[in-house]
């Protein structure tokens, strides 16, 4: 493990036999007790934490049709579950698409060829509950005017939609919450001097909070250099956090904790329950902390968060931990990780494995990687020959690896349970 020395996002492409002659080999006798011990050791294996992989299998690649399935890797088990067909279970169309969601145990899908027919369907991985809402139910209609529903996210009880409102002189955003059980909608107070704008995919929903990033406007309705971020308590629908003071903000969420990246180097750690900012760190470029361009989930344990971190010496990105208290980061640039995801060198690696998504679990000191595999020595982006999953610990040991049946997979999502 070593400290990192720059913040720079690059592409991550990491990717003996001996002869002996024995004239009369001795056959080692194995007792019944030893056999029982070996069997029990295999049976005692369990995944270090639980996750589900959602895949869409091509049925008609040219028009992106296919069936969704999911496979569970559950902490109390020692083998993955059988495939569950979500398309038939949740009555999904073959052209349905999955929506990224902040509530990991809830999968969201959208289907329908026209806006009026579009339907949002949610499936709860924990209890199998299925809910459905028409997208038109997430709009406000007035005489000669209609709000434009642009952004929505779902949790286990409701869907929240953020709508650009052009019905009044003062431009703003109207949040609407639709409850699955009652089929009733609640309109929250308008966010004034705001526009959804280029903040696509910067809203999120969990069972405890709603998060929304937007373009800030001045009193004349003109864009400013400042972006806004609002967080609601989803139980009371009360605003508990609002910031319009700096440029683009990217939140990373874990239950009651939120990390907000403001600009390129300022990072806040916020306790949403107490509504206090615990740390506001000007993270030096030397720490190499990597956060993407959209809202996401991560494990935040105490003052630490698991993220991808840039290593200047290797010129690559590795799984790592950032500590807000010490304002420092450590990457786990183990030889095993480098070798497993090696993409160049002599001999040319076969297969090439390209990491697509990482999920961290600081408590068990492990992480999972969903990756694309290529057998021809050439990476064809988003057109893998196969898809695989590994669990690895922070010492660089591969705990478990699994290769999914080779099919043309259209979409892949990994969620922590």
Protein backbone atom coordinates (compact mmCIF):
# COMPACT_ATOMS: atom_id res chain seq x y z
CA UNK A 1 0.00 0.00 0.00
CA UNK A 2 1.34 3.44 -0.83
CA UNK A 3 0.34 7.09 -0.87
CA UNK A 4 -0.78 8.57 -4.18
CA UNK A 5 0.52 11.78 -5.66
CA UNK A 6 -1.89 13.22 -8.26
CA UNK A 7 -5.55 13.63 -9.22
CA UNK A 8 -5.86 12.72 -12.81
CA UNK A 9 -8.47 10.50 -14.41
CA UNK A 10 -7.15 8.11 -17.04
CA UNK A 11 -8.45 4.96 -18.62
CA UNK A 12 -8.03 1.87 -16.48
CA UNK A 13 -6.67 -0.95 -18.60
CA UNK A 14 -4.66 -3.16 -16.22
CA UNK A 15 -4.86 -5.78 -16.88
CA UNK A 16 5.78 -22.94 -14.89
CA UNK A 17 5.43 -25.72 -15.20
CA UNK A 18 8.06 -28.04 -13.73
CA UNK A 19 8.92 -31.58 -14.74
CA UNK A 20 9.64 -34.27 -12.25
CA UNK A 21 10.17 -37.99 -12.54
CA UNK A 22 9.16 -40.35 -9.79
CA UNK A 23 9.72 -44.03 -10.34
CA UNK A 24 7.33 -45.31 -7.68
CA UNK A 25 5.01 -42.57 -6.49
CA UNK A 26 3.66 -43.01 -3.00
CA UNK A 27 -0.10 -42.86 -2.71
CA UNK A 28 -0.99 -40.77 0.30
CA UNK A 29 -3.82 -42.30 2.26
CA UNK A 30 -6.60 -39.90 3.18
CA UNK A 31 -8.65 -40.65 6.24
CA UNK A 32 -12.40 -40.17 6.47
CA UNK A 33 -11.80 -37.37 8.98
CA UNK A 34 -9.62 -35.48 6.47
CA UNK A 35 -12.27 -35.86 3.77
CA UNK A 36 -14.93 -34.46 6.10
CA UNK A 37 -12.70 -31.50 6.98
CA UNK A 38 -12.14 -30.63 3.31
CA UNK A 39 -15.85 -30.82 2.54
CA UNK A 40 -16.72 -28.65 5.52
CA UNK A 41 -14.13 -26.07 4.50
CA UNK A 42 -15.74 -25.75 1.06
CA UNK A 43 -19.22 -25.59 2.55
CA UNK A 44 -18.14 -22.88 5.01
CA UNK A 45 -17.25 -20.42 2.22
CA UNK A 46 -19.59 -17.45 1.92
CA UNK A 47 -19.40 -14.22 -0.03
CA UNK A 48 -17.87 -11.37 2.03
CA UNK A 49 -20.90 -9.16 1.29
CA UNK A 50 -24.09 -9.44 -0.75
CA UNK A 51 -24.68 -8.09 -4.23
CA UNK A 52 -26.83 -8.70 -7.28
CA UNK A 53 -25.86 -8.58 -10.95
CA UNK A 54 -28.54 -7.47 -13.44
CA UNK A 55 -28.00 -8.40 -17.10
CA UNK A 56 -30.00 -7.89 -20.28
CA UNK A 57 -29.60 -10.63 -22.86
CA UNK A 58 -29.92 -9.74 -26.56
CA UNK A 59 -32.93 -11.18 -28.33
CA UNK A 60 -32.74 -8.62 -31.14
CA UNK A 61 -29.46 -6.62 -30.95
CA UNK A 62 -30.32 -4.27 -33.84
CA UNK A 63 -33.21 -2.68 -31.91
CA UNK A 64 -31.83 -3.29 -28.40
CA UNK A 65 -34.48 -5.83 -27.45
CA UNK A 66 -33.81 -8.46 -24.82
CA UNK A 67 -34.72 -10.03 -21.50
CA UNK A 68 -33.49 -8.92 -18.08
CA UNK A 69 -32.23 -11.49 -15.60
CA UNK A 70 -30.52 -11.15 -12.25
CA UNK A 71 -28.22 -13.36 -10.19
CA UNK A 72 -27.68 -12.97 -6.44
CA UNK A 73 -24.38 -13.44 -4.63
CA UNK A 74 -25.61 -13.46 -1.04
CA UNK A 75 -23.42 -13.22 2.05
CA UNK A 76 -24.92 -16.28 3.76
CA UNK A 77 -24.51 -18.53 0.70
CA UNK A 78 -21.53 -20.23 -0.89
CA UNK A 79 -22.81 -20.21 -4.49
CA UNK A 80 -24.63 -17.72 -6.73
CA UNK A 81 -28.39 -18.08 -7.08
CA UNK A 82 -30.05 -19.36 -10.23
CA UNK A 83 -30.98 -16.77 -12.84
CA UNK A 84 -34.26 -14.97 -12.15
CA UNK A 85 -36.07 -13.72 -15.25
CA UNK A 86 -37.17 -10.16 -14.47
CA UNK A 87 -38.78 -9.58 -17.86
CA UNK A 88 -41.51 -12.15 -17.25
CA UNK A 89 -41.68 -11.60 -13.49
CA UNK A 90 -42.20 -7.81 -13.72
CA UNK A 91 -44.08 -7.88 -17.06
CA UNK A 92 -41.37 -5.88 -18.82
CA UNK A 93 -41.33 -5.20 -22.55
CA UNK A 94 -38.35 -6.47 -24.51
CA UNK A 95 -37.36 -2.86 -25.19
CA UNK A 96 -37.42 -1.84 -21.50
CA UNK A 97 -34.33 -0.08 -20.15
CA UNK A 98 -32.91 -0.11 -16.63
CA UNK A 99 -32.47 3.15 -14.73
CA UNK A 100 -29.63 3.75 -12.30
CA UNK A 101 -31.04 3.97 -8.81
CA UNK A 102 -29.87 5.17 -5.40
CA UNK A 103 -31.78 2.52 -3.44
CA UNK A 104 -29.72 -0.61 -4.07
CA UNK A 105 -32.47 -3.12 -3.28
CA UNK A 106 -34.87 -1.47 -5.76
CA UNK A 107 -34.47 -1.93 -9.52
CA UNK A 108 -36.16 0.63 -11.79
CA UNK A 109 -37.13 0.18 -15.43
CA UNK A 110 -38.78 2.39 -18.05
CA UNK A 111 -40.72 1.14 -21.04
CA UNK A 112 -43.11 2.46 -23.65
CA UNK A 113 -42.66 3.81 -27.17
CA UNK A 114 -44.18 7.27 -26.58
CA UNK A 115 -44.02 9.69 -23.67
CA UNK A 116 -47.73 9.28 -22.93
CA UNK A 117 -47.34 5.49 -22.80
CA UNK A 118 -44.11 5.40 -20.84
CA UNK A 119 -44.30 3.36 -17.67
CA UNK A 120 -41.87 3.23 -14.76
CA UNK A 121 -41.71 -0.21 -13.12
CA UNK A 122 -39.85 -0.97 -9.91
CA UNK A 123 -38.87 -4.37 -8.52
CA UNK A 124 -37.82 -4.82 -4.87
CA UNK A 125 -35.05 -7.42 -4.68
CA UNK A 126 -35.69 -8.05 -0.97
CA UNK A 127 -39.41 -8.82 -0.99
CA UNK A 128 -40.30 -9.19 -4.69
CA UNK A 129 -42.80 -6.30 -4.65
CA UNK A 130 -43.54 -4.80 -8.07
CA UNK A 131 -44.85 -1.25 -8.53
CA UNK A 132 -45.85 0.66 -11.64
CA UNK A 133 -46.38 4.37 -12.36
CA UNK A 134 -47.22 6.07 -15.65
CA UNK A 135 -44.80 8.86 -16.43
CA UNK A 136 -47.75 11.14 -17.22
CA UNK A 137 -48.75 10.82 -13.54
CA UNK A 138 -45.55 12.64 -12.61
CA UNK A 139 -46.54 15.86 -14.42
CA UNK A 140 -48.60 18.93 -13.61
CA UNK A 141 -51.14 20.00 -16.23
CA UNK A 142 -52.72 23.42 -16.32
CA UNK A 143 -54.76 25.17 -18.98
CA UNK A 144 -52.54 25.86 -22.00
CA UNK A 145 -49.47 24.76 -20.08
CA UNK A 146 -47.77 21.54 -19.04
CA UNK A 147 -44.67 20.96 -16.97
CA UNK A 148 -41.94 18.91 -18.60
CA UNK A 149 -41.00 15.80 -16.62
CA UNK A 150 -37.28 15.42 -17.05
CA UNK A 151 -35.77 13.59 -14.09
CA UNK A 152 -37.07 10.87 -11.77
CA UNK A 153 -35.75 8.26 -9.33
CA UNK A 154 -37.42 5.57 -7.22
CA UNK A 155 -37.05 4.12 -3.74
CA UNK A 156 -39.02 1.27 -2.13
CA UNK A 157 -42.16 3.37 -1.46
CA UNK A 158 -42.36 6.11 -4.09
CA UNK A 159 -41.00 7.87 -7.16
CA UNK A 160 -39.84 11.47 -7.10
CA UNK A 161 -39.90 13.45 -10.32
CA UNK A 162 -38.26 16.83 -10.95
CA UNK A 163 -40.02 18.91 -13.60
CA UNK A 164 -38.98 22.07 -15.40
CA UNK A 165 -41.86 24.48 -14.94
CA UNK A 166 -42.48 27.03 -17.69
CA UNK A 167 -46.04 27.80 -16.60
CA UNK A 168 -45.09 30.93 -14.67
CA UNK A 169 -42.86 33.91 -15.33
CA UNK A 170 -40.34 32.80 -12.73
CA UNK A 171 -38.69 29.69 -14.09
CA UNK A 172 -38.20 26.88 -11.61
CA UNK A 173 -38.41 23.16 -10.87
CA UNK A 174 -41.41 21.40 -9.35
CA UNK A 175 -40.73 18.16 -7.42
CA UNK A 176 -43.59 15.63 -7.41
CA UNK A 177 -43.68 12.50 -5.24
CA UNK A 178 -45.91 9.61 -6.28
CA UNK A 179 -46.65 6.96 -3.62
CA UNK A 180 -46.95 3.36 -4.88
CA UNK A 181 -49.50 2.24 -2.28
CA UNK A 182 -51.94 5.16 -2.35
CA UNK A 183 -51.33 6.19 -5.99
CA UNK A 184 -51.46 9.77 -4.73
CA UNK A 185 -49.05 12.54 -5.68
CA UNK A 186 -47.63 15.24 -3.44
CA UNK A 187 -46.30 18.43 -4.97
CA UNK A 188 -43.38 19.90 -3.05
CA UNK A 189 -42.63 23.65 -2.99
CA UNK A 190 -41.15 24.95 -6.22
CA UNK A 191 -37.37 25.30 -6.44
CA UNK A 192 -37.19 28.87 -7.76
CA UNK A 193 -34.54 30.32 -10.05
CA UNK A 194 -33.51 26.84 -11.12
CA UNK A 195 -33.49 24.71 -14.26
CA UNK A 196 -32.71 21.04 -14.82
CA UNK A 197 -30.50 22.04 -17.73
CA UNK A 198 -27.37 19.94 -18.18
CA UNK A 199 -27.71 18.23 -14.80
CA UNK A 200 -28.83 14.96 -16.38
CA UNK A 201 -28.49 11.89 -14.15
CA UNK A 202 -27.66 14.04 -11.14
CA UNK A 203 -30.63 13.11 -9.01
CA UNK A 204 -30.94 10.14 -6.67
CA UNK A 205 -33.44 8.54 -4.28
CA UNK A 206 -32.98 6.37 -1.22
CA UNK A 207 -35.44 5.31 1.45
CA UNK A 208 -34.24 8.15 3.65
CA UNK A 209 -33.34 10.99 1.26
CA UNK A 210 -33.89 12.53 -2.17
CA UNK A 211 -30.95 14.25 -3.86
CA UNK A 212 -31.21 16.73 -6.71
CA UNK A 213 -28.54 18.70 -8.58
CA UNK A 214 -29.63 21.56 -10.87
CA UNK A 215 -28.51 24.63 -12.80
CA UNK A 216 -28.76 27.80 -10.72
CA UNK A 217 -30.34 30.89 -12.33
CA UNK A 218 -30.26 34.54 -11.41
CA UNK A 219 -33.36 36.64 -10.77
CA UNK A 220 -33.60 37.37 -14.52
CA UNK A 221 -33.66 33.65 -15.38
CA UNK A 222 -30.13 33.59 -16.74
CA UNK A 223 -27.66 30.79 -15.99
CA UNK A 224 -24.95 31.50 -13.44
CA UNK A 225 -21.57 29.88 -12.81
CA UNK A 226 -23.04 28.29 -9.69
CA UNK A 227 -24.90 24.98 -9.56
CA UNK A 228 -27.34 23.95 -6.86
CA UNK A 229 -27.73 20.82 -4.74
CA UNK A 230 -30.79 20.10 -2.60
CA UNK A 231 -31.33 17.12 -0.29
CA UNK A 232 -34.77 16.23 1.09
CA UNK A 233 -35.59 13.97 4.02
CA UNK A 234 -37.85 11.48 2.20
CA UNK A 235 -39.83 10.75 5.38
CA UNK A 236 -40.82 14.37 6.04
CA UNK A 237 -40.13 15.82 2.53
CA UNK A 238 -38.28 18.62 4.31
CA UNK A 239 -35.19 20.21 2.76
CA UNK A 240 -32.26 19.38 5.04
CA UNK A 241 -29.36 20.53 2.83
CA UNK A 242 -29.09 23.23 0.18
CA UNK A 243 -26.03 24.74 -1.46
CA UNK A 244 -25.90 27.12 -4.44
CA UNK A 245 -22.53 28.68 -3.64
CA UNK A 246 -20.09 26.92 -5.95
CA UNK A 247 -19.77 25.16 -9.26
CA UNK A 248 -20.88 21.62 -10.10
CA UNK A 249 -21.35 19.36 -7.08
CA UNK A 250 -21.19 15.57 -7.28
CA UNK A 251 -22.67 13.77 -4.26
CA UNK A 252 -21.60 10.26 -3.21
CA UNK A 253 -24.06 8.70 -0.77
CA UNK A 254 -24.09 5.96 1.85
CA UNK A 255 -27.19 5.89 4.08
CA UNK A 256 -26.81 8.88 6.44
CA UNK A 257 -23.48 10.06 5.02
CA UNK A 258 -22.82 12.13 1.92
CA UNK A 259 -19.60 13.24 0.24
CA UNK A 260 -19.97 16.31 -1.96
CA UNK A 261 -17.29 17.08 -4.51
CA UNK A 262 -17.30 20.83 -5.18
CA UNK A 263 -15.23 21.77 -8.18
CA UNK A 264 -11.99 19.84 -8.62
CA UNK A 265 -10.40 19.73 -5.16
CA UNK A 266 -12.90 20.58 -2.39
CA UNK A 267 -14.66 17.63 -0.71
CA UNK A 268 -17.22 17.84 2.11
CA UNK A 269 -18.24 14.91 4.32
CA UNK A 270 -21.79 15.58 5.55
CA UNK A 271 -23.74 13.72 8.25
CA UNK A 272 -27.30 13.95 6.91
CA UNK A 273 -28.89 12.84 10.18
CA UNK A 274 -27.32 15.61 12.26
CA UNK A 275 -27.16 17.94 9.22
CA UNK A 276 -23.56 18.79 10.04
CA UNK A 277 -20.56 19.05 7.74
CA UNK A 278 -17.97 16.88 9.49
CA UNK A 279 -15.04 17.69 7.22
CA UNK A 280 -14.44 20.17 4.42
CA UNK A 281 -11.13 19.16 2.91
CA UNK A 282 -9.17 20.93 0.22
CA UNK A 283 -7.84 17.67 -1.17
CA UNK A 284 -4.45 18.17 -2.71
CA UNK A 285 -3.99 17.00 -6.25
CA UNK A 286 -1.38 14.61 -4.86
CA UNK A 287 -4.05 12.46 -3.19
CA UNK A 288 -5.52 11.17 -6.46
CA UNK A 289 -9.14 10.86 -5.29
CA UNK A 290 -11.42 9.84 -8.18
CA UNK A 291 -15.16 10.65 -8.30
CA UNK A 292 -17.20 10.30 -11.49
CA UNK A 293 -19.51 12.75 -13.19
CA UNK A 294 -22.80 11.43 -11.80
CA UNK A 295 -24.29 10.80 -8.37
CA UNK A 296 -23.39 7.38 -7.01
CA UNK A 297 -23.33 5.06 -4.01
CA UNK A 298 -20.21 4.22 -2.00
CA UNK A 299 -19.47 2.77 1.40
CA UNK A 300 -18.54 5.47 3.91
CA UNK A 301 -17.44 3.99 7.22
CA UNK A 302 -16.51 6.51 9.88
CA UNK A 303 -14.17 8.95 8.17
CA UNK A 304 -13.19 6.55 5.36
CA UNK A 305 -14.61 5.90 1.90
CA UNK A 306 -13.77 3.24 -0.68
CA UNK A 307 -13.06 4.75 -4.11
CA UNK A 308 -10.81 4.40 -7.13
CA UNK A 309 -7.51 6.24 -6.66
CA UNK A 310 -4.90 7.31 -9.21
CA UNK A 311 -1.33 6.08 -8.81
CA UNK A 312 1.23 8.39 -10.41
CA UNK A 313 4.07 5.86 -10.39
CA UNK A 314 2.00 3.21 -12.17
CA UNK A 315 -0.02 5.75 -14.23
CA UNK A 316 -3.05 3.65 -13.45
CA UNK A 317 -6.11 3.65 -11.19
CA UNK A 318 -6.45 1.17 -8.34
CA UNK A 319 -9.05 0.41 -5.65
CA UNK A 320 -8.31 2.42 -2.53
CA UNK A 321 -9.39 4.16 0.65
CA UNK A 322 -9.56 7.88 1.34
CA UNK A 323 -9.47 9.04 4.99
CA UNK A 324 -11.10 12.42 5.65
CA UNK A 325 -9.53 12.71 9.10
CA UNK A 326 -5.95 12.38 7.86
CA UNK A 327 -6.76 13.89 4.44
CA UNK A 328 -4.82 11.13 2.74
CA UNK A 329 -5.45 8.20 0.44
CA UNK A 330 -4.02 4.74 0.07
CA UNK A 331 -4.35 2.56 -3.03
CA UNK A 332 -4.24 -1.22 -2.98
CA UNK A 333 -2.05 -1.61 -6.03
CA UNK A 334 -1.38 -5.30 -5.50
CA UNK A 335 0.41 -7.44 -8.00
CA UNK A 336 -2.63 -9.70 -8.17
CA UNK A 337 -4.93 -6.85 -9.23
CA UNK A 338 -2.42 -5.55 -11.78
CA UNK A 339 -1.93 -8.99 -13.27
CA UNK A 340 -5.62 -9.88 -13.37
CA UNK A 341 -6.53 -6.70 -15.25
CA UNK A 342 -3.36 -6.43 -17.34
CA UNK A 343 -4.09 -5.12 -20.84
CA UNK A 344 -0.62 -4.95 -22.36
CA UNK A 345 2.84 -6.47 -22.21
CA UNK A 346 4.61 -9.51 -23.57
CA UNK A 347 3.16 -12.03 -23.86
CA UNK A 348 -0.11 -10.36 -24.82
CA UNK A 349 -2.61 -11.24 -22.07
CA UNK A 350 -5.41 -13.56 -23.04
CA UNK A 351 -8.05 -12.83 -22.08
CA UNK A 352 -7.96 -9.08 -21.54
CA UNK A 353 -10.18 -8.07 -18.62
CA UNK A 354 -11.49 -4.50 -18.45
CA UNK A 355 -12.99 -3.39 -15.08
CA UNK A 356 -16.38 -1.71 -15.45
CA UNK A 357 -17.66 -1.29 -11.87
CA UNK A 358 -16.19 -1.61 -8.37
CA UNK A 359 -18.10 -2.04 -5.09
CA UNK A 360 -16.23 -1.71 -1.79
CA UNK A 361 -16.90 -3.14 1.65
CA UNK A 362 -14.56 -1.59 4.21
CA UNK A 363 -15.83 -3.76 7.07
CA UNK A 364 -14.80 -7.02 5.41
CA UNK A 365 -11.75 -5.39 3.75
CA UNK A 366 -12.91 -6.62 0.35
CA UNK A 367 -14.24 -5.31 -2.96
CA UNK A 368 -16.01 -6.74 -6.01
CA UNK A 369 -15.26 -5.97 -9.66
CA UNK A 370 -17.65 -6.49 -12.58
CA UNK A 371 -15.58 -6.66 -15.77
CA UNK A 372 -15.70 -7.21 -19.53
CA UNK A 373 -13.51 -9.93 -21.05
CA UNK A 374 -11.98 -9.97 -24.52
CA UNK A 375 -10.40 -13.10 -26.01
CA UNK A 376 -8.97 -11.69 -29.27
CA UNK A 377 -6.40 -9.39 -27.68
CA UNK A 378 -8.42 -6.32 -28.74
CA UNK A 379 -10.82 -4.30 -26.59
CA UNK A 380 -14.10 -3.54 -28.35
CA UNK A 381 -15.78 -1.10 -25.99
CA UNK A 382 -19.12 -2.36 -24.62
CA UNK A 383 -19.01 -5.43 -26.89
CA UNK A 384 -17.30 -8.01 -24.65
CA UNK A 385 -16.77 -11.67 -25.46
CA UNK A 386 -17.82 -12.46 -21.90
CA UNK A 387 -18.62 -10.80 -18.56
CA UNK A 388 -17.08 -11.79 -15.24
CA UNK A 389 -17.08 -10.99 -11.52
CA UNK A 390 -14.38 -11.29 -8.88
CA UNK A 391 -14.21 -10.67 -5.14
CA UNK A 392 -10.76 -9.59 -3.94
CA UNK A 393 -9.48 -8.56 -0.51
CA UNK A 394 -7.35 -5.52 0.29
CA UNK A 395 -4.27 -7.75 0.41
CA UNK A 396 -4.72 -8.54 -3.27
CA UNK A 397 -5.97 -12.10 -2.88
CA UNK A 398 -8.70 -13.28 -5.25
CA UNK A 399 -11.40 -14.76 -3.01
CA UNK A 400 -13.86 -15.78 -5.71
CA UNK A 401 -14.28 -15.47 -9.46
CA UNK A 402 -17.25 -16.17 -11.70
CA UNK A 403 -17.73 -16.00 -15.46
CA UNK A 404 -21.29 -15.49 -16.70
CA UNK A 405 -22.60 -17.70 -19.48
CA UNK A 406 -21.36 -16.34 -22.79
CA UNK A 407 -24.21 -14.42 -24.36
CA UNK A 408 -24.37 -11.02 -26.05
CA UNK A 409 -25.24 -8.94 -22.96
CA UNK A 410 -26.83 -5.56 -23.64
CA UNK A 411 -26.71 -3.95 -20.19
CA UNK A 412 -25.04 -4.78 -16.87
CA UNK A 413 -25.59 -3.33 -13.40
CA UNK A 414 -24.06 -4.41 -10.10
CA UNK A 415 -25.83 -3.39 -6.87
CA UNK A 416 -24.81 -3.93 -3.26
CA UNK A 417 -27.46 -5.55 -1.06
